[in-house]
Amino acid sequence: MGSVKVPRAHVERLEDGTEVKLGVFLSNTKTRRAKLTTDKLATLAALGLDWAT
């Protein structure tokens, strides 16, 4: 099984050249998890994010 630990500074570069600040997104999402809907938390948990369960 892979790891879902992403450093805050990580930037994912997509094939079309788009850059996604994945580390910032995950850090902010984790901080604001109390405001997320049940569906969004379930989706994140299905991706392997233990804090979303």
Protein backbone atom coordinates (compact mmCIF):
# COMPACT_ATOMS: atom_id res chain seq x y z
CA MET A 1 0.00 0.00 0.00
CA GLY A 2 1.26 3.49 -0.79
CA SER A 3 1.62 6.48 1.46
CA VAL A 4 -0.71 9.46 1.54
CA LYS A 5 1.65 11.64 3.57
CA VAL A 6 2.24 14.69 1.41
CA PRO A 7 4.57 17.53 2.47
CA ARG A 8 2.84 20.92 2.61
CA ALA A 9 5.16 22.31 -0.08
CA HIS A 10 4.40 19.51 -2.57
CA VAL A 11 3.18 20.66 -5.99
CA GLU A 12 1.74 18.07 -8.38
CA ARG A 13 2.39 18.79 -12.04
CA LEU A 14 -0.26 17.41 -14.39
CA GLU A 15 0.33 16.28 -17.98
CA ASP A 16 -1.24 19.46 -19.38
CA GLY A 17 1.22 21.61 -17.44
CA THR A 18 -1.22 22.60 -14.72
CA GLU A 19 0.21 22.74 -11.22
CA VAL A 20 -1.84 21.72 -8.19
CA LYS A 21 -0.63 22.67 -4.71
CA LEU A 22 -1.61 19.30 -3.27
CA GLY A 23 0.21 19.74 0.03
CA VAL A 24 -1.51 23.03 0.79
CA PHE A 25 -4.89 21.61 -0.25
CA LEU A 26 -4.56 18.58 2.03
CA SER A 27 -3.26 20.65 4.95
CA ASN A 28 -6.10 23.17 4.66
CA THR A 29 -8.70 20.44 4.18
CA LYS A 30 -7.50 18.56 7.27
CA THR A 31 -7.60 21.77 9.32
CA ARG A 32 -11.16 22.50 8.16
CA ARG A 33 -12.47 18.91 8.30
CA ALA A 34 -15.18 19.83 10.83
CA LYS A 35 -16.84 21.91 8.10
CA LEU A 36 -16.74 19.18 5.43
CA THR A 37 -19.85 17.28 4.41
CA THR A 38 -20.19 13.59 5.20
CA ASP A 39 -19.86 12.79 1.49
CA LYS A 40 -16.59 14.71 1.15
CA LEU A 41 -15.16 13.06 4.27
CA ALA A 42 -16.16 9.63 2.93
CA THR A 43 -14.46 10.35 -0.39
CA LEU A 44 -11.26 11.46 1.33
CA ALA A 45 -11.35 8.40 3.62
CA ALA A 46 -11.76 6.15 0.56
CA LEU A 47 -8.58 7.71 -0.84
CA GLY A 48 -6.72 6.55 2.27
CA LEU A 49 -6.75 9.67 4.45
CA ASP A 50 -7.13 8.24 7.95
CA TRP A 51 -8.00 11.61 9.48
CA ALA A 52 -11.16 11.75 7.35
CA THR A 53 -12.74 8.69 8.99
